[in-house]
Amino acid sequence: MRLDKYLKVSRIIKRRTVANEACDKSYVTANNRPVKASYDVKIGDEICVSFGNKKVQFKVLSINEHSNKSDATSMYELIEDNQ
């Protein structure tokens, strides 16, 4: 699954276009390196999203094409959440 879609489905970022822009501006890293929106997310990847003073780092646990609000948080495990 593409990174921008994963960020939207897991509800880390609310809109796919915003996730795409965040990737283009290098606000998103996977395994400690900047990645594009087309990056193929794999189980076990450590992803970090930074917006200003906010930083969310998480590990990918599952990849689902669709999820409801209650299932979205089971797709990842928070490592660090500085909000």
N, C-alpha and C. Protein backbone atom coordinates (compact mmCIF):
# COMPACT_ATOMS: atom_id res chain seq x y z
N MET A 1 0.85 -1.18 0.00
CA MET A 1 0.00 0.00 0.00
C MET A 1 0.90 1.24 0.00
N ARG A 2 0.48 2.25 -0.75
CA ARG A 2 1.22 3.51 -0.79
C ARG A 2 1.20 4.18 0.59
N LEU A 3 2.25 4.91 0.89
CA LEU A 3 2.37 5.57 2.19
C LEU A 3 1.27 6.59 2.41
N ASP A 4 0.95 7.41 1.41
CA ASP A 4 -0.09 8.42 1.61
C ASP A 4 -1.44 7.78 1.90
N LYS A 5 -1.74 6.67 1.25
CA LYS A 5 -3.00 5.98 1.52
C LYS A 5 -2.98 5.35 2.92
N TYR A 6 -1.85 4.77 3.32
CA TYR A 6 -1.74 4.17 4.65
C TYR A 6 -1.98 5.21 5.75
N LEU A 7 -1.39 6.39 5.59
CA LEU A 7 -1.55 7.45 6.59
C LEU A 7 -3.02 7.87 6.70
N LYS A 8 -3.74 7.86 5.58
CA LYS A 8 -5.16 8.21 5.60
C LYS A 8 -6.00 7.09 6.20
N VAL A 9 -5.80 5.85 5.77
CA VAL A 9 -6.60 4.72 6.25
C VAL A 9 -6.38 4.50 7.75
N SER A 10 -5.15 4.68 8.21
CA SER A 10 -4.86 4.50 9.64
C SER A 10 -5.25 5.72 10.47
N ARG A 11 -5.71 6.76 9.79
CA ARG A 11 -6.19 8.00 10.42
C ARG A 11 -5.12 8.77 11.19
N ILE A 12 -3.88 8.62 10.76
CA ILE A 12 -2.81 9.43 11.32
C ILE A 12 -2.90 10.83 10.72
N ILE A 13 -3.20 10.89 9.42
CA ILE A 13 -3.48 12.14 8.73
C ILE A 13 -4.86 11.99 8.11
N LYS A 14 -5.71 13.01 8.26
CA LYS A 14 -7.12 12.87 7.89
C LYS A 14 -7.39 12.81 6.39
N ARG A 15 -6.56 13.46 5.58
CA ARG A 15 -6.82 13.49 4.14
C ARG A 15 -5.60 13.01 3.38
N ARG A 16 -5.85 12.28 2.29
CA ARG A 16 -4.75 11.73 1.50
C ARG A 16 -3.95 12.83 0.83
N THR A 17 -4.60 13.91 0.41
CA THR A 17 -3.86 15.00 -0.23
C THR A 17 -2.90 15.66 0.76
N VAL A 18 -3.32 15.78 2.01
CA VAL A 18 -2.44 16.35 3.05
C VAL A 18 -1.27 15.40 3.31
N ALA A 19 -1.53 14.10 3.33
CA ALA A 19 -0.48 13.11 3.51
C ALA A 19 0.51 13.18 2.35
N ASN A 20 0.00 13.35 1.15
CA ASN A 20 0.85 13.45 -0.04
C ASN A 20 1.75 14.68 0.05
N GLU A 21 1.19 15.81 0.46
CA GLU A 21 1.98 17.05 0.61
C GLU A 21 3.04 16.91 1.69
N ALA A 22 2.70 16.24 2.80
CA ALA A 22 3.65 16.04 3.89
C ALA A 22 4.84 15.21 3.40
N CYS A 23 4.58 14.21 2.58
CA CYS A 23 5.66 13.38 2.03
C CYS A 23 6.53 14.21 1.07
N ASP A 24 5.90 15.02 0.24
CA ASP A 24 6.64 15.86 -0.71
C ASP A 24 7.55 16.86 -0.02
N LYS A 25 7.14 17.33 1.16
CA LYS A 25 7.93 18.32 1.90
C LYS A 25 8.90 17.67 2.88
N SER A 26 9.07 16.35 2.79
CA SER A 26 10.00 15.58 3.64
C SER A 26 9.65 15.64 5.12
N TYR A 27 8.36 15.74 5.44
CA TYR A 27 7.92 15.69 6.84
C TYR A 27 7.73 14.26 7.31
N VAL A 28 7.80 13.31 6.37
CA VAL A 28 7.58 11.90 6.70
C VAL A 28 8.84 11.11 6.38
N THR A 29 9.27 10.28 7.35
CA THR A 29 10.40 9.39 7.13
C THR A 29 9.97 7.96 7.43
N ALA A 30 10.60 7.03 6.74
CA ALA A 30 10.37 5.61 7.00
C ALA A 30 11.74 4.98 7.23
N ASN A 31 11.88 4.33 8.36
CA ASN A 31 13.15 3.70 8.74
C ASN A 31 14.30 4.71 8.67
N ASN A 32 14.06 5.91 9.19
CA ASN A 32 15.04 6.99 9.32
C ASN A 32 15.55 7.55 8.00
N ARG A 33 14.74 7.49 6.94
CA ARG A 33 15.10 8.16 5.69
C ARG A 33 13.86 8.77 5.06
N PRO A 34 14.01 9.93 4.45
CA PRO A 34 12.85 10.59 3.82
C PRO A 34 12.28 9.73 2.69
N VAL A 35 10.96 9.69 2.60
CA VAL A 35 10.31 8.88 1.56
C VAL A 35 9.24 9.69 0.85
N LYS A 36 8.93 9.27 -0.35
CA LYS A 36 7.87 9.89 -1.15
C LYS A 36 6.53 9.24 -0.82
N ALA A 37 5.46 9.83 -1.29
CA ALA A 37 4.11 9.31 -1.05
C ALA A 37 3.91 7.94 -1.68
N SER A 38 4.68 7.63 -2.70
CA SER A 38 4.53 6.35 -3.40
C SER A 38 5.29 5.21 -2.71
N TYR A 39 5.96 5.49 -1.60
CA TYR A 39 6.69 4.45 -0.87
C TYR A 39 5.75 3.30 -0.51
N ASP A 40 6.20 2.06 -0.70
CA ASP A 40 5.39 0.87 -0.42
C ASP A 40 5.57 0.48 1.05
N VAL A 41 4.53 0.70 1.85
CA VAL A 41 4.58 0.42 3.29
C VAL A 41 4.58 -1.09 3.52
N LYS A 42 5.47 -1.53 4.42
CA LYS A 42 5.56 -2.94 4.77
C LYS A 42 5.39 -3.09 6.27
N ILE A 43 4.90 -4.25 6.71
CA ILE A 43 4.76 -4.52 8.14
C ILE A 43 6.14 -4.49 8.77
N GLY A 44 6.25 -3.78 9.89
CA GLY A 44 7.53 -3.65 10.59
C GLY A 44 8.23 -2.32 10.33
N ASP A 45 7.79 -1.56 9.33
CA ASP A 45 8.38 -0.25 9.05
C ASP A 45 8.15 0.68 10.23
N GLU A 46 9.15 1.51 10.52
CA GLU A 46 9.01 2.56 11.52
C GLU A 46 8.88 3.88 10.79
N ILE A 47 7.74 4.53 10.97
CA ILE A 47 7.43 5.76 10.25
C ILE A 47 7.34 6.91 11.23
N CYS A 48 7.87 8.05 10.84
CA CYS A 48 7.84 9.25 11.68
C CYS A 48 7.21 10.38 10.87
N VAL A 49 6.22 11.04 11.46
CA VAL A 49 5.55 12.17 10.82
C VAL A 49 5.79 13.39 11.69
N SER A 50 6.34 14.47 11.09
CA SER A 50 6.64 15.70 11.84
C SER A 50 5.91 16.88 11.21
N PHE A 51 5.19 17.63 12.04
CA PHE A 51 4.53 18.87 11.64
C PHE A 51 4.86 19.90 12.69
N GLY A 52 5.74 20.84 12.39
CA GLY A 52 6.10 21.87 13.36
C GLY A 52 6.68 21.24 14.62
N ASN A 53 6.04 21.49 15.76
CA ASN A 53 6.52 20.94 17.02
C ASN A 53 5.99 19.54 17.28
N LYS A 54 5.03 19.08 16.49
CA LYS A 54 4.43 17.77 16.68
C LYS A 54 5.24 16.70 15.96
N LYS A 55 5.42 15.57 16.63
CA LYS A 55 6.14 14.45 16.03
C LYS A 55 5.48 13.15 16.49
N VAL A 56 5.10 12.33 15.52
CA VAL A 56 4.49 11.04 15.83
C VAL A 56 5.33 9.96 15.15
N GLN A 57 5.83 9.03 15.95
CA GLN A 57 6.61 7.92 15.42
C GLN A 57 5.88 6.62 15.78
N PHE A 58 5.74 5.75 14.79
CA PHE A 58 4.99 4.52 15.01
C PHE A 58 5.55 3.38 14.18
N LYS A 59 5.19 2.15 14.58
CA LYS A 59 5.60 0.94 13.87
C LYS A 59 4.36 0.34 13.21
N VAL A 60 4.48 -0.04 11.94
CA VAL A 60 3.37 -0.60 11.18
C VAL A 60 3.14 -2.05 11.63
N LEU A 61 1.91 -2.34 12.09
CA LEU A 61 1.55 -3.69 12.55
C LEU A 61 0.72 -4.45 11.52
N SER A 62 -0.13 -3.75 10.78
CA SER A 62 -0.94 -4.40 9.75
C SER A 62 -1.28 -3.40 8.65
N ILE A 63 -1.65 -3.95 7.51
CA ILE A 63 -2.01 -3.12 6.36
C ILE A 63 -3.39 -3.56 5.90
N ASN A 64 -4.37 -2.67 6.05
CA ASN A 64 -5.75 -2.93 5.64
C ASN A 64 -6.16 -1.92 4.59
N GLU A 65 -6.84 -2.37 3.56
CA GLU A 65 -7.31 -1.46 2.52
C GLU A 65 -8.36 -0.48 3.04
N HIS A 66 -9.19 -0.95 3.97
CA HIS A 66 -10.23 -0.12 4.57
C HIS A 66 -10.26 -0.40 6.06
N SER A 67 -10.60 0.62 6.85
CA SER A 67 -10.76 0.38 8.28
C SER A 67 -11.74 1.41 8.84
N ASN A 68 -12.46 1.00 9.88
CA ASN A 68 -13.32 1.97 10.55
C ASN A 68 -12.51 2.59 11.69
N LYS A 69 -13.10 3.52 12.37
CA LYS A 69 -12.38 4.29 13.38
C LYS A 69 -11.78 3.42 14.48
N SER A 70 -12.51 2.41 14.92
CA SER A 70 -12.02 1.56 16.01
C SER A 70 -10.89 0.63 15.57
N ASP A 71 -10.87 0.24 14.30
CA ASP A 71 -9.82 -0.65 13.80
C ASP A 71 -8.55 0.10 13.38
N ALA A 72 -8.66 1.39 13.14
CA ALA A 72 -7.53 2.16 12.64
C ALA A 72 -6.34 2.14 13.60
N THR A 73 -6.58 2.22 14.89
CA THR A 73 -5.47 2.26 15.85
C THR A 73 -4.77 0.92 15.99
N SER A 74 -5.39 -0.16 15.55
CA SER A 74 -4.74 -1.47 15.61
C SER A 74 -3.77 -1.69 14.45
N MET A 75 -3.73 -0.75 13.51
CA MET A 75 -2.84 -0.87 12.36
C MET A 75 -1.41 -0.46 12.69
N TYR A 76 -1.21 0.22 13.81
CA TYR A 76 0.13 0.69 14.17
C TYR A 76 0.31 0.70 15.68
N GLU A 77 1.57 0.77 16.10
CA GLU A 77 1.92 0.87 17.52
C GLU A 77 2.73 2.14 17.71
N LEU A 78 2.27 3.02 18.58
CA LEU A 78 2.98 4.28 18.82
C LEU A 78 4.31 4.00 19.51
N ILE A 79 5.37 4.61 19.00
CA ILE A 79 6.68 4.54 19.62
C ILE A 79 6.92 5.83 20.39
N GLU A 80 6.61 6.96 19.73
CA GLU A 80 6.82 8.27 20.32
C GLU A 80 5.72 9.20 19.84
N ASP A 81 5.15 9.97 20.76
CA ASP A 81 4.08 10.89 20.40
C ASP A 81 4.30 12.20 21.15
N ASN A 82 4.94 13.16 20.47
CA ASN A 82 5.19 14.49 21.06
C ASN A 82 4.22 15.48 20.47
N GLN A 83 3.11 15.71 21.18
CA GLN A 83 2.13 16.66 20.66
C GLN A 83 1.96 17.81 21.59
